[in-house]
Amino acid sequence: MSQQPLDLETRRKRLQFRGWHRGIKEADLILGGYIDLKLNDLSHDDCQWFETLFEEQDVDILAWITGKEETPSHLDHPFIQEMGKLDYIPKAK
């Protein structure tokens, strides 16, 4: 029995949950905050990219986002550079 592909809204909600439940607080803030910002604009291709990214370790993802390590070519995407700006994260008061 084959599974039906998930509809776009379900994929977006799953990504949102996974973005906020990474295990490292910094990753939660960066990835969850970014997905919250982009959620309604994510296409199926965008979802596929995030699903692939989320298979990686948090420490590696953070290193790519902050520019401490080079992003692997299969994950090199404008989203990495956008997340690296961190201007979407609310400032602490």
N, C-alpha and C. Protein backbone atom coordinates (compact mmCIF):
# COMPACT_ATOMS: atom_id res chain seq x y z
N MET A 1 0.84 -1.17 0.00
CA MET A 1 0.00 0.00 0.00
C MET A 1 0.89 1.24 0.00
N SER A 2 0.72 2.11 -0.96
CA SER A 2 1.56 3.31 -1.04
C SER A 2 0.90 4.46 -0.28
N GLN A 3 1.76 5.30 0.27
CA GLN A 3 1.25 6.46 1.01
C GLN A 3 0.97 7.60 0.05
N GLN A 4 -0.06 8.35 0.35
CA GLN A 4 -0.37 9.55 -0.41
C GLN A 4 0.63 10.63 -0.04
N PRO A 5 1.08 11.42 -1.01
CA PRO A 5 1.96 12.53 -0.67
C PRO A 5 1.22 13.53 0.22
N LEU A 6 1.96 14.15 1.11
CA LEU A 6 1.35 15.13 2.00
C LEU A 6 1.01 16.40 1.24
N ASP A 7 -0.11 17.01 1.62
CA ASP A 7 -0.46 18.28 1.00
C ASP A 7 0.48 19.37 1.54
N LEU A 8 0.54 20.47 0.84
CA LEU A 8 1.48 21.53 1.16
C LEU A 8 1.27 22.08 2.57
N GLU A 9 0.04 22.28 2.96
CA GLU A 9 -0.24 22.84 4.30
C GLU A 9 0.27 21.91 5.40
N THR A 10 0.09 20.62 5.23
CA THR A 10 0.58 19.65 6.22
C THR A 10 2.11 19.67 6.28
N ARG A 11 2.75 19.72 5.13
CA ARG A 11 4.21 19.78 5.10
C ARG A 11 4.72 21.03 5.81
N ARG A 12 4.07 22.16 5.55
CA ARG A 12 4.46 23.42 6.20
C ARG A 12 4.34 23.31 7.72
N LYS A 13 3.24 22.75 8.19
CA LYS A 13 3.03 22.63 9.65
C LYS A 13 4.06 21.69 10.28
N ARG A 14 4.39 20.62 9.59
CA ARG A 14 5.42 19.71 10.10
C ARG A 14 6.77 20.41 10.18
N LEU A 15 7.10 21.18 9.15
CA LEU A 15 8.36 21.92 9.18
C LEU A 15 8.38 22.93 10.31
N GLN A 16 7.28 23.59 10.53
CA GLN A 16 7.20 24.56 11.61
C GLN A 16 7.46 23.87 12.95
N PHE A 17 6.85 22.73 13.17
CA PHE A 17 7.07 22.00 14.41
C PHE A 17 8.53 21.57 14.52
N ARG A 18 9.06 21.00 13.45
CA ARG A 18 10.45 20.53 13.48
C ARG A 18 11.43 21.69 13.66
N GLY A 19 11.10 22.85 13.11
CA GLY A 19 11.97 24.02 13.26
C GLY A 19 12.06 24.50 14.70
N TRP A 20 10.98 24.36 15.44
CA TRP A 20 10.95 24.82 16.84
C TRP A 20 11.31 23.73 17.84
N HIS A 21 11.56 22.53 17.37
CA HIS A 21 11.86 21.42 18.28
C HIS A 21 13.12 20.68 17.82
N ARG A 22 14.21 21.42 17.71
CA ARG A 22 15.45 20.86 17.22
C ARG A 22 16.26 20.17 18.31
N GLY A 23 16.26 20.73 19.50
CA GLY A 23 17.06 20.17 20.58
C GLY A 23 18.10 21.14 21.11
N ILE A 24 18.55 22.04 20.27
CA ILE A 24 19.46 23.11 20.68
C ILE A 24 18.67 24.41 20.59
N LYS A 25 18.61 25.15 21.70
CA LYS A 25 17.78 26.36 21.76
C LYS A 25 18.11 27.35 20.64
N GLU A 26 19.39 27.53 20.35
CA GLU A 26 19.79 28.45 19.28
C GLU A 26 19.22 28.01 17.93
N ALA A 27 19.25 26.71 17.68
CA ALA A 27 18.69 26.19 16.43
C ALA A 27 17.18 26.39 16.40
N ASP A 28 16.53 26.18 17.54
CA ASP A 28 15.08 26.42 17.61
C ASP A 28 14.76 27.86 17.22
N LEU A 29 15.47 28.80 17.81
CA LEU A 29 15.20 30.22 17.56
C LEU A 29 15.46 30.60 16.10
N ILE A 30 16.58 30.12 15.57
CA ILE A 30 16.94 30.49 14.20
C ILE A 30 16.04 29.80 13.19
N LEU A 31 15.93 28.50 13.28
CA LEU A 31 15.15 27.75 12.29
C LEU A 31 13.65 27.95 12.48
N GLY A 32 13.19 27.86 13.72
CA GLY A 32 11.76 28.06 13.97
C GLY A 32 11.31 29.46 13.61
N GLY A 33 12.11 30.45 14.00
CA GLY A 33 11.76 31.84 13.68
C GLY A 33 11.73 32.10 12.19
N TYR A 34 12.69 31.52 11.48
CA TYR A 34 12.74 31.71 10.03
C TYR A 34 11.55 31.04 9.34
N ILE A 35 11.24 29.83 9.75
CA ILE A 35 10.10 29.15 9.14
C ILE A 35 8.80 29.88 9.46
N ASP A 36 8.66 30.40 10.67
CA ASP A 36 7.47 31.20 10.99
C ASP A 36 7.33 32.36 10.01
N LEU A 37 8.45 33.01 9.71
CA LEU A 37 8.45 34.16 8.81
C LEU A 37 8.06 33.77 7.39
N LYS A 38 8.55 32.65 6.92
CA LYS A 38 8.37 32.24 5.53
C LYS A 38 7.24 31.24 5.30
N LEU A 39 6.61 30.78 6.36
CA LEU A 39 5.71 29.63 6.30
C LEU A 39 4.73 29.66 5.14
N ASN A 40 4.00 30.73 4.99
CA ASN A 40 2.95 30.79 3.97
C ASN A 40 3.47 30.90 2.55
N ASP A 41 4.77 31.15 2.40
CA ASP A 41 5.37 31.28 1.07
C ASP A 41 6.12 30.03 0.63
N LEU A 42 6.26 29.05 1.51
CA LEU A 42 7.04 27.86 1.17
C LEU A 42 6.33 27.00 0.14
N SER A 43 7.05 26.66 -0.91
CA SER A 43 6.54 25.77 -1.96
C SER A 43 6.87 24.33 -1.59
N HIS A 44 6.41 23.40 -2.40
CA HIS A 44 6.77 21.99 -2.19
C HIS A 44 8.29 21.81 -2.29
N ASP A 45 8.91 22.50 -3.25
CA ASP A 45 10.38 22.41 -3.40
C ASP A 45 11.08 22.98 -2.17
N ASP A 46 10.59 24.10 -1.65
CA ASP A 46 11.17 24.68 -0.44
C ASP A 46 11.03 23.71 0.73
N CYS A 47 9.87 23.11 0.85
CA CYS A 47 9.65 22.12 1.92
C CYS A 47 10.62 20.97 1.79
N GLN A 48 10.83 20.51 0.57
CA GLN A 48 11.78 19.40 0.35
C GLN A 48 13.18 19.80 0.80
N TRP A 49 13.58 21.03 0.50
CA TRP A 49 14.90 21.50 0.90
C TRP A 49 15.01 21.52 2.43
N PHE A 50 14.02 22.07 3.11
CA PHE A 50 14.06 22.09 4.58
C PHE A 50 14.02 20.69 5.16
N GLU A 51 13.23 19.80 4.57
CA GLU A 51 13.19 18.42 5.06
C GLU A 51 14.57 17.76 4.95
N THR A 52 15.28 18.05 3.89
CA THR A 52 16.65 17.54 3.72
C THR A 52 17.58 18.19 4.73
N LEU A 53 17.47 19.50 4.90
CA LEU A 53 18.31 20.22 5.87
C LEU A 53 18.10 19.66 7.27
N PHE A 54 16.87 19.40 7.64
CA PHE A 54 16.55 18.95 8.99
C PHE A 54 17.05 17.55 9.30
N GLU A 55 17.55 16.85 8.31
CA GLU A 55 18.18 15.55 8.55
C GLU A 55 19.62 15.72 9.06
N GLU A 56 20.15 16.92 8.96
CA GLU A 56 21.51 17.22 9.40
C GLU A 56 21.54 17.54 10.90
N GLN A 57 22.72 17.51 11.46
CA GLN A 57 22.91 17.82 12.88
C GLN A 57 22.79 19.33 13.12
N ASP A 58 22.22 19.71 14.25
CA ASP A 58 22.06 21.13 14.58
C ASP A 58 23.37 21.89 14.56
N VAL A 59 24.42 21.31 15.12
CA VAL A 59 25.70 22.02 15.17
C VAL A 59 26.22 22.31 13.77
N ASP A 60 25.99 21.41 12.83
CA ASP A 60 26.41 21.65 11.45
C ASP A 60 25.56 22.73 10.80
N ILE A 61 24.26 22.65 11.00
CA ILE A 61 23.35 23.66 10.42
C ILE A 61 23.72 25.05 10.95
N LEU A 62 23.95 25.16 12.24
CA LEU A 62 24.32 26.45 12.82
C LEU A 62 25.65 26.95 12.27
N ALA A 63 26.59 26.05 12.06
CA ALA A 63 27.89 26.45 11.50
C ALA A 63 27.73 26.97 10.08
N TRP A 64 26.85 26.38 9.29
CA TRP A 64 26.62 26.85 7.93
C TRP A 64 25.91 28.20 7.94
N ILE A 65 24.91 28.33 8.80
CA ILE A 65 24.15 29.58 8.86
C ILE A 65 25.03 30.74 9.31
N THR A 66 25.90 30.50 10.28
CA THR A 66 26.75 31.57 10.80
C THR A 66 28.01 31.77 9.97
N GLY A 67 28.22 30.93 8.97
CA GLY A 67 29.39 31.08 8.11
C GLY A 67 30.67 30.52 8.69
N LYS A 68 30.60 29.79 9.78
CA LYS A 68 31.79 29.21 10.38
C LYS A 68 32.33 28.04 9.56
N GLU A 69 31.44 27.39 8.82
CA GLU A 69 31.82 26.31 7.92
C GLU A 69 31.11 26.51 6.59
N GLU A 70 31.72 25.99 5.54
CA GLU A 70 31.11 26.08 4.22
C GLU A 70 29.92 25.13 4.12
N THR A 71 28.85 25.63 3.54
CA THR A 71 27.65 24.83 3.36
C THR A 71 27.89 23.80 2.26
N PRO A 72 27.53 22.54 2.50
CA PRO A 72 27.67 21.53 1.44
C PRO A 72 26.87 21.95 0.20
N SER A 73 27.38 21.60 -0.96
CA SER A 73 26.76 22.06 -2.20
C SER A 73 25.29 21.64 -2.33
N HIS A 74 24.93 20.46 -1.84
CA HIS A 74 23.54 20.01 -1.99
C HIS A 74 22.58 20.77 -1.08
N LEU A 75 23.12 21.53 -0.12
CA LEU A 75 22.28 22.34 0.77
C LEU A 75 22.48 23.84 0.58
N ASP A 76 23.37 24.20 -0.33
CA ASP A 76 23.62 25.62 -0.58
C ASP A 76 22.37 26.23 -1.22
N HIS A 77 21.78 27.16 -0.51
CA HIS A 77 20.48 27.73 -0.91
C HIS A 77 20.41 29.15 -0.35
N PRO A 78 19.72 30.05 -0.99
CA PRO A 78 19.57 31.41 -0.45
C PRO A 78 19.01 31.45 0.96
N PHE A 79 18.22 30.45 1.36
CA PHE A 79 17.70 30.42 2.72
C PHE A 79 18.83 30.43 3.75
N ILE A 80 19.92 29.76 3.46
CA ILE A 80 21.06 29.71 4.40
C ILE A 80 21.58 31.14 4.62
N GLN A 81 21.78 31.89 3.53
CA GLN A 81 22.27 33.26 3.66
C GLN A 81 21.26 34.15 4.38
N GLU A 82 19.98 33.97 4.08
CA GLU A 82 18.95 34.77 4.74
C GLU A 82 18.91 34.48 6.24
N MET A 83 18.99 33.22 6.62
CA MET A 83 18.99 32.87 8.03
C MET A 83 20.22 33.43 8.73
N GLY A 84 21.32 33.51 8.01
CA GLY A 84 22.56 34.03 8.58
C GLY A 84 22.50 35.50 8.95
N LYS A 85 21.58 36.23 8.38
CA LYS A 85 21.43 37.65 8.71
C LYS A 85 20.85 37.85 10.10
N LEU A 86 20.07 36.88 10.56
CA LEU A 86 19.46 36.89 11.90
C LEU A 86 18.63 38.13 12.18
N ASP A 87 18.25 38.88 11.17
CA ASP A 87 17.47 40.10 11.40
C ASP A 87 15.98 39.84 11.60
N TYR A 88 15.58 38.61 11.54
CA TYR A 88 14.19 38.23 11.74
C TYR A 88 13.92 37.78 13.17
N ILE A 89 14.97 37.69 13.99
CA ILE A 89 14.84 37.25 15.36
C ILE A 89 14.61 38.47 16.25
N PRO A 90 13.53 38.46 17.04
CA PRO A 90 13.26 39.61 17.91
C PRO A 90 14.40 39.86 18.89
N LYS A 91 14.69 41.11 19.12
CA LYS A 91 15.75 41.49 20.06
C LYS A 91 15.25 41.31 21.50
N ALA A 92 16.14 40.85 22.34
CA ALA A 92 15.81 40.71 23.78
C ALA A 92 15.66 42.09 24.39
N LYS A 93 14.73 42.21 25.32
CA LYS A 93 14.52 43.52 25.98
C LYS A 93 15.27 43.61 27.26
